[in-house]
Amino acid sequence: MRFLFIRLLLPALLAAVTACSDQKSTSAEQQVAQTTSSDTAVAQPAIAPAQPPAPDTSAVHNVAAYLAGLPSSRQSSLRTLEGQPGWQAYATTSNKSWATYDSTRTAKIEAWAATELDSVQATSPTIFYPFSGPDFLNVTTMFPTSTTYVLMGLEPVGTVPQRSTLENPNLFTALKASLWSVLNFSFFRTNDMAVDLKSVELDGALPLMMLFAARTNHQVLGVRYIQLSPQGELIEADSATIRKPSLKTIPGVEMKLKAKNGPEKTVLYLSADLSDWKLGTTKEAALTYVRTLGPLTTYVKSATYLMHKAYFSKVRNLILERSNYVLQDDSGIAMKYFPASDWQFTYYGTYKRPINLFAKHYQPELTATYTDKANPPRPLPFGTGYNWRQNDSNLLLAHRRQPVQAQEVQ
């Protein structure tokens, strides 16, 4: 009788066990498996929590692409504007201008830098570019493998353009006028650029930096407004501070980029007057910040010969103290300020007298060096600086004999 009872009950028991097993199996797919026996409990590796989706960075890059005359992403709200005749014509002429620029300048600079600056590039994670304005274009072409670029200039910081600005029918004329000198002569005409951009509510350096990022095959990942504390520390800022900074405030912007097939990069622009007097009113916060960057490679181009003057001694001394390399044209630091015992020099191109506007900054010692037939300068296959024609331009690479050591900032 007992066996009959068990035979009758066995199918039900098997069904219950199977259902329970299925339920546990389903639960195990969703939770970390755990043993219930206190004698045999073994810690199982925890399953990492699901990562939140990456933030959508396409919006700011779409604005950069639009300014550059390049198509935005398929989902971009700017697609409707890109279908209009004004943008279409701007994109066509921009592509032609940039194709000419890339073939006549970018390709030559990249090839030259790959051989002449190979050891510099390999040891230059951070580039300091004073008196740069929004010129991310030239510095990233010269130093494409660097990961941090610190630019400083008098131009206002600017903000990411609003849609109303992008819809302005005069936008493209202003952009073309602002870019004309840098694409043809390698430098900005600062006053003209400011007038052109202000006329269409482009309020500073950032819009052009975004444009250059897009045209140099970078993805703009994000933009953050910043300012320097009196102690030279980067802190957050809001757009109101950026648009109307106080006299003692050094506003700035941080742009995060992703290079095509390369690393992420940080580009900082600080709107700072680097004259000795103005540095005093801001407690030298800009220089204090630069000292935190470690040993530098400094790039100077088309700097209106400011560091030839006595009242730009502080930034000049900082560069000479904290740089392992200085790459500059003759508008940078005058040769008389480089102690020959501390530096090795390589000269490129041709030295001619400065253009008439800067005639008083002629350096006879450079003429002597460039005409020394026993040690002729090396070729420079592109134009740069105020004497912008290829056969009239010069560059100097100064290499410190004893490398700068990292220092702690008090």
Foldseek 3Di string as FASTA:
>chain_A
DVVVVCVVCVVVVVVVVVVVVVVVVVVVVVAPDFDPDPVPTDDDDHDDPDDDDDDDQQQLLCLLCQLLLHHGDPPDPCVVVCPDPLSVVLSVVSVVLLVVLCVAPLVQLQVCLVPVVVVVLVPAQEEEEEQAFLPPQVVCSNNVAHFEYEYEHQWFAFDRDDVQLSPPSLSSVLSCQQCVCCSPQVGGPVVSNCVSCVVSPRRTNVSVNSNSCVSQQKRWRDKFKWWADLQLDTDGDDVVCSRPPDLLIWIKMWIWIQHDVHHIHIYIYINADQFQVSCVSNNVSNLSNVLQVAAHEYEYAQNQLVQCDPRNVPVVVSCQQRYQKYKYWCSPHHPVPRDPVFKDKAKEADEDQAPPVNRVSGDVVVVVVCPPPVRHHHYRQAAGHPLGHRRHTMMMMIGTPDGHGRDDRD
